[in-house]
Amino acid sequence: MLKLKVDGMTCGHCARAVAEAVESVPAVERALVDLAAGEVTVEGGADEGAVRQAIADAGYDARPAA
């Protein structure tokens, strides 16, 4: 499991966009977005770099969650 902090999510549309971007990455089984916390939890064996790139391509910044 991978947890990332996502900057720039401000609404439900943003959360859906991040979830869809992450779920498009190979080996992602599920993306759980917590809009209030500004985080996404990724289930599966996806590469962190690929997940972060997908989030960046959707227009958001991601970094490891503390």
N, C-alpha and C. Protein backbone atom coordinates (compact mmCIF):
# COMPACT_ATOMS: atom_id res chain seq x y z
N MET A 1 0.84 -1.17 0.00
CA MET A 1 0.00 0.00 0.00
C MET A 1 0.89 1.24 0.00
N LEU A 2 0.46 2.25 -0.72
CA LEU A 2 1.19 3.50 -0.88
C LEU A 2 0.27 4.64 -0.50
N LYS A 3 0.76 5.57 0.31
CA LYS A 3 -0.03 6.75 0.69
C LYS A 3 0.73 7.99 0.26
N LEU A 4 0.02 8.86 -0.47
CA LEU A 4 0.62 10.10 -0.96
C LEU A 4 -0.22 11.29 -0.54
N LYS A 5 0.45 12.39 -0.25
CA LYS A 5 -0.20 13.67 0.00
C LYS A 5 -0.36 14.33 -1.36
N VAL A 6 -1.55 14.83 -1.66
CA VAL A 6 -1.82 15.45 -2.96
C VAL A 6 -2.20 16.91 -2.74
N ASP A 7 -1.43 17.81 -3.31
CA ASP A 7 -1.71 19.24 -3.21
C ASP A 7 -2.60 19.68 -4.36
N GLY A 8 -3.54 20.57 -4.05
CA GLY A 8 -4.37 21.17 -5.09
C GLY A 8 -5.78 20.61 -5.19
N MET A 9 -6.08 19.55 -4.45
CA MET A 9 -7.45 19.01 -4.47
C MET A 9 -8.33 19.90 -3.60
N THR A 10 -9.39 20.44 -4.19
CA THR A 10 -10.27 21.34 -3.44
C THR A 10 -11.73 20.94 -3.46
N CYS A 11 -12.08 19.93 -4.27
CA CYS A 11 -13.49 19.57 -4.40
C CYS A 11 -13.64 18.11 -4.81
N GLY A 12 -14.87 17.67 -4.88
CA GLY A 12 -15.14 16.30 -5.28
C GLY A 12 -14.66 15.99 -6.69
N HIS A 13 -14.76 16.96 -7.57
CA HIS A 13 -14.28 16.75 -8.94
C HIS A 13 -12.78 16.49 -8.94
N CYS A 14 -12.06 17.24 -8.13
CA CYS A 14 -10.60 17.04 -8.02
C CYS A 14 -10.30 15.63 -7.51
N ALA A 15 -11.03 15.22 -6.49
CA ALA A 15 -10.81 13.89 -5.91
C ALA A 15 -11.08 12.80 -6.94
N ARG A 16 -12.14 12.94 -7.72
CA ARG A 16 -12.44 11.96 -8.77
C ARG A 16 -11.36 11.94 -9.84
N ALA A 17 -10.86 13.11 -10.20
CA ALA A 17 -9.81 13.19 -11.22
C ALA A 17 -8.54 12.48 -10.75
N VAL A 18 -8.19 12.67 -9.48
CA VAL A 18 -7.01 12.01 -8.94
C VAL A 18 -7.23 10.50 -8.89
N ALA A 19 -8.40 10.07 -8.43
CA ALA A 19 -8.69 8.64 -8.35
C ALA A 19 -8.62 7.99 -9.73
N GLU A 20 -9.22 8.63 -10.72
CA GLU A 20 -9.20 8.08 -12.07
C GLU A 20 -7.79 8.03 -12.63
N ALA A 21 -7.00 9.06 -12.37
CA ALA A 21 -5.62 9.08 -12.86
C ALA A 21 -4.81 7.95 -12.24
N VAL A 22 -4.96 7.78 -10.92
CA VAL A 22 -4.20 6.74 -10.23
C VAL A 22 -4.66 5.36 -10.68
N GLU A 23 -5.95 5.16 -10.83
CA GLU A 23 -6.46 3.85 -11.22
C GLU A 23 -6.11 3.48 -12.65
N SER A 24 -5.64 4.45 -13.44
CA SER A 24 -5.22 4.15 -14.81
C SER A 24 -3.81 3.56 -14.85
N VAL A 25 -3.09 3.62 -13.74
CA VAL A 25 -1.72 3.12 -13.68
C VAL A 25 -1.73 1.60 -13.56
N PRO A 26 -0.92 0.90 -14.36
CA PRO A 26 -0.87 -0.56 -14.26
C PRO A 26 -0.51 -1.00 -12.84
N ALA A 27 -1.14 -2.07 -12.39
CA ALA A 27 -0.92 -2.71 -11.09
C ALA A 27 -1.63 -1.99 -9.95
N VAL A 28 -2.34 -0.89 -10.22
CA VAL A 28 -3.16 -0.28 -9.17
C VAL A 28 -4.46 -1.05 -9.10
N GLU A 29 -4.77 -1.54 -7.91
CA GLU A 29 -6.02 -2.26 -7.70
C GLU A 29 -7.14 -1.31 -7.30
N ARG A 30 -6.78 -0.29 -6.51
CA ARG A 30 -7.79 0.64 -6.01
C ARG A 30 -7.12 1.91 -5.51
N ALA A 31 -7.78 3.04 -5.72
CA ALA A 31 -7.30 4.32 -5.21
C ALA A 31 -8.37 4.90 -4.30
N LEU A 32 -7.99 5.18 -3.07
CA LEU A 32 -8.92 5.75 -2.10
C LEU A 32 -8.48 7.18 -1.80
N VAL A 33 -9.31 8.14 -2.18
CA VAL A 33 -8.96 9.55 -2.00
C VAL A 33 -9.67 10.09 -0.77
N ASP A 34 -8.90 10.72 0.11
CA ASP A 34 -9.43 11.42 1.28
C ASP A 34 -9.27 12.91 1.01
N LEU A 35 -10.34 13.53 0.54
CA LEU A 35 -10.28 14.94 0.15
C LEU A 35 -9.94 15.82 1.35
N ALA A 36 -10.55 15.56 2.50
CA ALA A 36 -10.33 16.39 3.68
C ALA A 36 -8.86 16.37 4.12
N ALA A 37 -8.23 15.21 4.03
CA ALA A 37 -6.83 15.07 4.43
C ALA A 37 -5.88 15.42 3.29
N GLY A 38 -6.41 15.48 2.06
CA GLY A 38 -5.55 15.76 0.91
C GLY A 38 -4.63 14.60 0.60
N GLU A 39 -5.14 13.38 0.75
CA GLU A 39 -4.31 12.19 0.55
C GLU A 39 -4.99 11.18 -0.36
N VAL A 40 -4.17 10.34 -0.96
CA VAL A 40 -4.66 9.20 -1.71
C VAL A 40 -3.91 7.96 -1.22
N THR A 41 -4.66 6.91 -0.99
CA THR A 41 -4.09 5.62 -0.62
C THR A 41 -4.24 4.71 -1.82
N VAL A 42 -3.13 4.09 -2.22
CA VAL A 42 -3.11 3.27 -3.42
C VAL A 42 -2.89 1.81 -3.01
N GLU A 43 -3.81 0.97 -3.41
CA GLU A 43 -3.68 -0.46 -3.16
C GLU A 43 -3.20 -1.15 -4.43
N GLY A 44 -2.31 -2.11 -4.26
CA GLY A 44 -1.75 -2.83 -5.39
C GLY A 44 -0.24 -2.68 -5.41
N GLY A 45 0.35 -3.15 -6.46
CA GLY A 45 1.80 -3.16 -6.56
C GLY A 45 2.36 -2.15 -7.54
N ALA A 46 1.69 -1.03 -7.71
CA ALA A 46 2.13 -0.04 -8.70
C ALA A 46 3.40 0.66 -8.25
N ASP A 47 4.17 1.09 -9.22
CA ASP A 47 5.39 1.85 -9.00
C ASP A 47 5.02 3.26 -8.52
N GLU A 48 5.66 3.71 -7.43
CA GLU A 48 5.35 5.03 -6.88
C GLU A 48 5.60 6.14 -7.90
N GLY A 49 6.66 6.04 -8.65
CA GLY A 49 6.96 7.06 -9.65
C GLY A 49 5.88 7.16 -10.71
N ALA A 50 5.34 6.02 -11.12
CA ALA A 50 4.28 6.02 -12.12
C ALA A 50 3.00 6.63 -11.55
N VAL A 51 2.72 6.34 -10.30
CA VAL A 51 1.53 6.91 -9.66
C VAL A 51 1.68 8.42 -9.53
N ARG A 52 2.84 8.87 -9.07
CA ARG A 52 3.07 10.31 -8.92
C ARG A 52 3.02 11.02 -10.27
N GLN A 53 3.51 10.38 -11.33
CA GLN A 53 3.45 10.97 -12.66
C GLN A 53 2.01 11.08 -13.15
N ALA A 54 1.20 10.07 -12.89
CA ALA A 54 -0.20 10.11 -13.29
C ALA A 54 -0.93 11.26 -12.58
N ILE A 55 -0.61 11.46 -11.31
CA ILE A 55 -1.22 12.56 -10.56
C ILE A 55 -0.75 13.89 -11.13
N ALA A 56 0.53 13.99 -11.44
CA ALA A 56 1.06 15.24 -12.05
C ALA A 56 0.41 15.50 -13.39
N ASP A 57 0.22 14.45 -14.19
CA ASP A 57 -0.42 14.61 -15.50
C ASP A 57 -1.86 15.09 -15.37
N ALA A 58 -2.50 14.78 -14.22
CA ALA A 58 -3.87 15.24 -13.97
C ALA A 58 -3.90 16.67 -13.43
N GLY A 59 -2.71 17.24 -13.15
CA GLY A 59 -2.65 18.63 -12.73
C GLY A 59 -2.43 18.86 -11.25
N TYR A 60 -1.99 17.84 -10.54
CA TYR A 60 -1.81 17.95 -9.08
C TYR A 60 -0.38 17.54 -8.72
N ASP A 61 0.05 17.97 -7.54
CA ASP A 61 1.37 17.60 -7.04
C ASP A 61 1.21 16.55 -5.95
N ALA A 62 2.06 15.54 -5.97
CA ALA A 62 2.01 14.46 -4.98
C ALA A 62 3.38 14.26 -4.36
N ARG A 63 3.36 13.90 -3.07
CA ARG A 63 4.59 13.60 -2.35
C ARG A 63 4.25 12.55 -1.30
N PRO A 64 5.23 11.87 -0.77
CA PRO A 64 4.94 10.87 0.26
C PRO A 64 4.23 11.50 1.46
N ALA A 65 3.23 10.81 1.96
CA ALA A 65 2.52 11.28 3.15
C ALA A 65 3.36 10.98 4.38
N ALA A 66 3.29 11.85 5.34
CA ALA A 66 4.08 11.66 6.59
C ALA A 66 3.52 10.54 7.43
